[in-house]
Amino acid sequence: MSMPKDFMESLLEWVDGNMQRPLRIEEVARQSGYSKWYLQRMFSDWAGKSLGAYIRERKLQLAAEDLKNTEDKILDISVRYGFDSQQSFTRTFGKRFNTSPGAYRREHDQTLN
């Protein structure tokens, strides 16, 4: 049993539009009209990763874009994408990109171009 492609694309569009705030699996499930457990199982089958992993990865991608393209403070970016603290953001970012947010910004800074 799998979810239709257009349903998943619509749901991901909603998720992507709500990235700049805390986003819980329960809320995504309510939006989808499915139970949290069913949605997570179907999403995992469809995407090959958990919904939580997708949300975390997407928030980190957006944060990386902000680091490259804005002069916003790292703390502001971490709060924007729902991290509990700058330390939590730095740790999670480091695991994903193998560098700190500050070093990533220095390596990829596009605000001067």
N, C-alpha and C. Protein backbone atom coordinates (compact mmCIF):
# COMPACT_ATOMS: atom_id res chain seq x y z
N MET A 1 0.85 -1.17 0.00
CA MET A 1 0.00 0.00 0.00
C MET A 1 0.90 1.24 0.00
N SER A 2 0.72 2.13 -0.96
CA SER A 2 1.54 3.34 -0.99
C SER A 2 0.67 4.55 -1.26
N MET A 3 1.22 5.70 -0.97
CA MET A 3 0.50 6.95 -1.18
C MET A 3 0.70 7.42 -2.61
N PRO A 4 -0.32 8.02 -3.19
CA PRO A 4 -0.19 8.55 -4.56
C PRO A 4 0.89 9.63 -4.62
N LYS A 5 1.59 9.68 -5.74
CA LYS A 5 2.68 10.64 -5.93
C LYS A 5 2.19 12.08 -5.75
N ASP A 6 1.03 12.43 -6.31
CA ASP A 6 0.54 13.80 -6.20
C ASP A 6 0.20 14.17 -4.76
N PHE A 7 -0.27 13.20 -3.98
CA PHE A 7 -0.54 13.46 -2.57
C PHE A 7 0.76 13.78 -1.84
N MET A 8 1.79 12.98 -2.07
CA MET A 8 3.07 13.19 -1.40
C MET A 8 3.69 14.51 -1.83
N GLU A 9 3.61 14.84 -3.10
CA GLU A 9 4.16 16.11 -3.58
C GLU A 9 3.44 17.29 -2.94
N SER A 10 2.13 17.19 -2.81
CA SER A 10 1.35 18.24 -2.17
C SER A 10 1.72 18.37 -0.69
N LEU A 11 1.87 17.23 -0.03
CA LEU A 11 2.24 17.25 1.39
C LEU A 11 3.64 17.84 1.56
N LEU A 12 4.58 17.46 0.71
CA LEU A 12 5.94 18.00 0.80
C LEU A 12 5.96 19.50 0.52
N GLU A 13 5.11 19.95 -0.36
CA GLU A 13 5.00 21.39 -0.62
C GLU A 13 4.55 22.11 0.65
N TRP A 14 3.57 21.53 1.35
CA TRP A 14 3.11 22.12 2.61
C TRP A 14 4.23 22.09 3.65
N VAL A 15 4.92 20.96 3.76
CA VAL A 15 6.03 20.84 4.72
C VAL A 15 7.09 21.89 4.40
N ASP A 16 7.50 21.99 3.14
CA ASP A 16 8.52 22.96 2.75
C ASP A 16 8.09 24.39 3.04
N GLY A 17 6.81 24.67 2.91
CA GLY A 17 6.29 26.01 3.19
C GLY A 17 6.21 26.33 4.67
N ASN A 18 6.42 25.34 5.50
CA ASN A 18 6.34 25.54 6.95
C ASN A 18 7.66 25.24 7.65
N MET A 19 8.75 25.27 6.93
CA MET A 19 10.06 24.93 7.49
C MET A 19 10.56 25.97 8.49
N GLN A 20 10.15 27.21 8.35
CA GLN A 20 10.69 28.26 9.21
C GLN A 20 9.90 28.39 10.51
N ARG A 21 9.53 27.26 11.04
CA ARG A 21 8.89 27.21 12.36
C ARG A 21 9.02 25.79 12.87
N PRO A 22 8.82 25.59 14.16
CA PRO A 22 8.88 24.21 14.66
C PRO A 22 7.83 23.36 13.95
N LEU A 23 8.23 22.22 13.49
CA LEU A 23 7.34 21.36 12.71
C LEU A 23 7.39 19.96 13.29
N ARG A 24 6.29 19.51 13.84
CA ARG A 24 6.21 18.20 14.48
C ARG A 24 5.52 17.20 13.55
N ILE A 25 5.89 15.94 13.71
CA ILE A 25 5.31 14.87 12.90
C ILE A 25 3.79 14.84 13.09
N GLU A 26 3.34 15.06 14.33
CA GLU A 26 1.90 15.05 14.61
C GLU A 26 1.16 16.10 13.77
N GLU A 27 1.77 17.26 13.62
CA GLU A 27 1.15 18.32 12.83
C GLU A 27 1.10 17.96 11.35
N VAL A 28 2.15 17.37 10.85
CA VAL A 28 2.18 16.94 9.45
C VAL A 28 1.12 15.86 9.24
N ALA A 29 0.99 14.96 10.21
CA ALA A 29 -0.02 13.90 10.12
C ALA A 29 -1.42 14.51 10.08
N ARG A 30 -1.68 15.49 10.94
CA ARG A 30 -3.00 16.16 10.92
C ARG A 30 -3.26 16.78 9.55
N GLN A 31 -2.25 17.44 9.01
CA GLN A 31 -2.38 18.07 7.69
C GLN A 31 -2.69 17.03 6.62
N SER A 32 -2.08 15.86 6.75
CA SER A 32 -2.25 14.81 5.74
C SER A 32 -3.59 14.09 5.86
N GLY A 33 -4.16 14.10 7.08
CA GLY A 33 -5.40 13.37 7.31
C GLY A 33 -5.17 11.91 7.68
N TYR A 34 -3.91 11.53 7.87
CA TYR A 34 -3.57 10.17 8.26
C TYR A 34 -3.02 10.16 9.67
N SER A 35 -3.01 8.99 10.28
CA SER A 35 -2.41 8.87 11.61
C SER A 35 -0.90 9.07 11.49
N LYS A 36 -0.32 9.48 12.58
CA LYS A 36 1.13 9.69 12.63
C LYS A 36 1.88 8.42 12.22
N TRP A 37 1.44 7.29 12.71
CA TRP A 37 2.12 6.02 12.46
C TRP A 37 1.99 5.60 10.99
N TYR A 38 0.79 5.74 10.44
CA TYR A 38 0.57 5.36 9.04
C TYR A 38 1.37 6.28 8.12
N LEU A 39 1.32 7.58 8.39
CA LEU A 39 2.03 8.54 7.55
C LEU A 39 3.54 8.26 7.57
N GLN A 40 4.09 8.01 8.74
CA GLN A 40 5.53 7.75 8.82
C GLN A 40 5.92 6.49 8.05
N ARG A 41 5.11 5.46 8.16
CA ARG A 41 5.41 4.22 7.44
C ARG A 41 5.31 4.44 5.93
N MET A 42 4.26 5.10 5.49
CA MET A 42 4.08 5.33 4.06
C MET A 42 5.15 6.29 3.51
N PHE A 43 5.49 7.32 4.28
CA PHE A 43 6.52 8.26 3.84
C PHE A 43 7.85 7.54 3.68
N SER A 44 8.18 6.73 4.65
CA SER A 44 9.44 5.98 4.61
C SER A 44 9.48 5.05 3.40
N ASP A 45 8.39 4.38 3.11
CA ASP A 45 8.32 3.52 1.92
C ASP A 45 8.49 4.34 0.65
N TRP A 46 7.88 5.51 0.60
CA TRP A 46 7.88 6.36 -0.59
C TRP A 46 9.23 7.05 -0.80
N ALA A 47 9.78 7.61 0.30
CA ALA A 47 10.98 8.45 0.18
C ALA A 47 12.28 7.72 0.50
N GLY A 48 12.18 6.57 1.14
CA GLY A 48 13.39 5.86 1.52
C GLY A 48 14.06 6.42 2.75
N LYS A 49 13.39 7.32 3.44
CA LYS A 49 13.89 7.87 4.69
C LYS A 49 12.70 8.28 5.53
N SER A 50 12.92 8.47 6.81
CA SER A 50 11.81 8.84 7.68
C SER A 50 11.41 10.29 7.43
N LEU A 51 10.18 10.61 7.79
CA LEU A 51 9.70 11.99 7.65
C LEU A 51 10.52 12.92 8.52
N GLY A 52 10.85 12.48 9.73
CA GLY A 52 11.69 13.29 10.61
C GLY A 52 13.05 13.58 10.00
N ALA A 53 13.65 12.57 9.38
CA ALA A 53 14.95 12.76 8.72
C ALA A 53 14.82 13.72 7.55
N TYR A 54 13.73 13.62 6.79
CA TYR A 54 13.50 14.54 5.67
C TYR A 54 13.42 15.98 6.17
N ILE A 55 12.62 16.20 7.22
CA ILE A 55 12.45 17.55 7.75
C ILE A 55 13.78 18.10 8.26
N ARG A 56 14.51 17.30 9.02
CA ARG A 56 15.81 17.73 9.56
C ARG A 56 16.78 18.07 8.43
N GLU A 57 16.86 17.19 7.43
CA GLU A 57 17.76 17.41 6.29
C GLU A 57 17.38 18.67 5.52
N ARG A 58 16.10 18.85 5.30
CA ARG A 58 15.62 20.02 4.55
C ARG A 58 15.91 21.32 5.30
N LYS A 59 15.69 21.30 6.63
CA LYS A 59 15.99 22.49 7.43
C LYS A 59 17.48 22.82 7.37
N LEU A 60 18.32 21.80 7.40
CA LEU A 60 19.76 22.03 7.31
C LEU A 60 20.15 22.57 5.93
N GLN A 61 19.52 22.08 4.88
CA GLN A 61 19.79 22.60 3.53
C GLN A 61 19.41 24.08 3.44
N LEU A 62 18.25 24.42 3.98
CA LEU A 62 17.80 25.82 3.95
C LEU A 62 18.70 26.70 4.80
N ALA A 63 19.12 26.19 5.95
CA ALA A 63 20.04 26.95 6.81
C ALA A 63 21.37 27.18 6.08
N ALA A 64 21.85 26.17 5.38
CA ALA A 64 23.10 26.31 4.62
C ALA A 64 22.94 27.39 3.54
N GLU A 65 21.80 27.41 2.88
CA GLU A 65 21.54 28.46 1.88
C GLU A 65 21.55 29.84 2.53
N ASP A 66 20.93 29.95 3.71
CA ASP A 66 20.93 31.23 4.42
C ASP A 66 22.34 31.64 4.82
N LEU A 67 23.15 30.69 5.24
CA LEU A 67 24.54 31.01 5.60
C LEU A 67 25.30 31.54 4.39
N LYS A 68 25.04 30.98 3.22
CA LYS A 68 25.72 31.41 1.99
C LYS A 68 25.22 32.75 1.49
N ASN A 69 23.93 32.99 1.61
CA ASN A 69 23.31 34.10 0.89
C ASN A 69 22.83 35.26 1.74
N THR A 70 22.98 35.17 3.05
CA THR A 70 22.57 36.28 3.92
C THR A 70 23.68 36.58 4.91
N GLU A 71 23.54 37.69 5.58
CA GLU A 71 24.46 38.03 6.66
C GLU A 71 23.79 37.83 8.02
N ASP A 72 22.68 37.09 8.04
CA ASP A 72 21.97 36.83 9.29
C ASP A 72 22.90 36.13 10.27
N LYS A 73 22.72 36.44 11.55
CA LYS A 73 23.52 35.79 12.59
C LYS A 73 23.20 34.30 12.62
N ILE A 74 24.20 33.51 12.99
CA ILE A 74 24.02 32.06 13.08
C ILE A 74 22.92 31.73 14.08
N LEU A 75 22.87 32.46 15.19
CA LEU A 75 21.81 32.24 16.18
C LEU A 75 20.44 32.46 15.56
N ASP A 76 20.29 33.53 14.78
CA ASP A 76 19.00 33.81 14.14
C ASP A 76 18.61 32.70 13.16
N ILE A 77 19.57 32.19 12.42
CA ILE A 77 19.30 31.11 11.48
C ILE A 77 18.90 29.85 12.23
N SER A 78 19.59 29.56 13.32
CA SER A 78 19.26 28.35 14.09
C SER A 78 17.85 28.44 14.66
N VAL A 79 17.46 29.61 15.15
CA VAL A 79 16.11 29.80 15.68
C VAL A 79 15.08 29.72 14.56
N ARG A 80 15.39 30.32 13.42
CA ARG A 80 14.48 30.33 12.27
C ARG A 80 14.05 28.91 11.87
N TYR A 81 14.97 27.97 11.96
CA TYR A 81 14.67 26.61 11.54
C TYR A 81 14.36 25.67 12.69
N GLY A 82 14.03 26.26 13.84
CA GLY A 82 13.46 25.48 14.94
C GLY A 82 14.43 24.71 15.80
N PHE A 83 15.71 25.06 15.78
CA PHE A 83 16.65 24.38 16.66
C PHE A 83 16.53 24.96 18.06
N ASP A 84 16.70 24.11 19.06
CA ASP A 84 16.53 24.52 20.45
C ASP A 84 17.59 25.52 20.90
N SER A 85 18.76 25.43 20.32
CA SER A 85 19.85 26.33 20.70
C SER A 85 20.85 26.40 19.55
N GLN A 86 21.73 27.40 19.64
CA GLN A 86 22.78 27.50 18.63
C GLN A 86 23.72 26.30 18.73
N GLN A 87 23.94 25.80 19.95
CA GLN A 87 24.80 24.64 20.13
C GLN A 87 24.21 23.41 19.44
N SER A 88 22.91 23.22 19.60
CA SER A 88 22.22 22.09 18.95
C SER A 88 22.33 22.21 17.43
N PHE A 89 22.12 23.42 16.93
CA PHE A 89 22.23 23.66 15.49
C PHE A 89 23.65 23.37 15.01
N THR A 90 24.64 23.89 15.73
CA THR A 90 26.04 23.70 15.34
C THR A 90 26.41 22.23 15.32
N ARG A 91 25.98 21.48 16.32
CA ARG A 91 26.27 20.04 16.39
C ARG A 91 25.62 19.30 15.22
N THR A 92 24.33 19.57 14.98
CA THR A 92 23.59 18.90 13.90
C THR A 92 24.15 19.29 12.54
N PHE A 93 24.44 20.57 12.36
CA PHE A 93 25.00 21.07 11.11
C PHE A 93 26.36 20.41 10.85
N GLY A 94 27.17 20.32 11.89
CA GLY A 94 28.50 19.71 11.76
C GLY A 94 28.44 18.25 11.35
N LYS A 95 27.46 17.53 11.88
CA LYS A 95 27.30 16.12 11.50
C LYS A 95 26.93 15.99 10.03
N ARG A 96 26.13 16.91 9.53
CA ARG A 96 25.67 16.85 8.14
C ARG A 96 26.71 17.34 7.14
N PHE A 97 27.38 18.47 7.47
CA PHE A 97 28.28 19.12 6.51
C PHE A 97 29.77 18.97 6.86
N ASN A 98 30.06 18.29 7.97
CA ASN A 98 31.45 18.08 8.42
C ASN A 98 32.22 19.38 8.63
N THR A 99 31.52 20.42 9.03
CA THR A 99 32.15 21.70 9.34
C THR A 99 31.16 22.51 10.19
N SER A 100 31.65 23.52 10.82
CA SER A 100 30.76 24.36 11.63
C SER A 100 30.01 25.34 10.72
N PRO A 101 28.89 25.90 11.20
CA PRO A 101 28.18 26.89 10.39
C PRO A 101 29.05 28.09 10.02
N GLY A 102 29.87 28.55 10.97
CA GLY A 102 30.74 29.70 10.69
C GLY A 102 31.76 29.40 9.60
N ALA A 103 32.38 28.22 9.68
CA ALA A 103 33.36 27.83 8.66
C ALA A 103 32.67 27.63 7.31
N TYR A 104 31.48 27.06 7.33
CA TYR A 104 30.72 26.86 6.08
C TYR A 104 30.44 28.21 5.43
N ARG A 105 30.04 29.18 6.25
CA ARG A 105 29.75 30.52 5.72
C ARG A 105 31.01 31.12 5.10
N ARG A 106 32.12 31.02 5.77
CA ARG A 106 33.36 31.60 5.23
C ARG A 106 33.76 30.93 3.92
N GLU A 107 33.55 29.62 3.81
CA GLU A 107 33.91 28.89 2.60
C GLU A 107 32.97 29.16 1.43
N HIS A 108 31.71 29.48 1.72
CA HIS A 108 30.69 29.60 0.67
C HIS A 108 30.07 30.98 0.57
N ASP A 109 30.64 31.98 1.21
CA ASP A 109 30.03 33.30 1.27
C ASP A 109 29.78 33.86 -0.13
N GLN A 110 28.51 34.14 -0.42
CA GLN A 110 28.13 34.71 -1.71
C GLN A 110 27.54 36.11 -1.55
N THR A 111 27.55 36.64 -0.32
CA THR A 111 26.95 37.96 -0.10
C THR A 111 27.82 39.07 -0.65
N LEU A 112 29.10 38.81 -0.90
CA LEU A 112 29.99 39.83 -1.42
C LEU A 112 29.97 39.90 -2.94
N ASN A 113 29.38 38.91 -3.58
CA ASN A 113 29.37 38.85 -5.06
C ASN A 113 28.28 39.70 -5.64
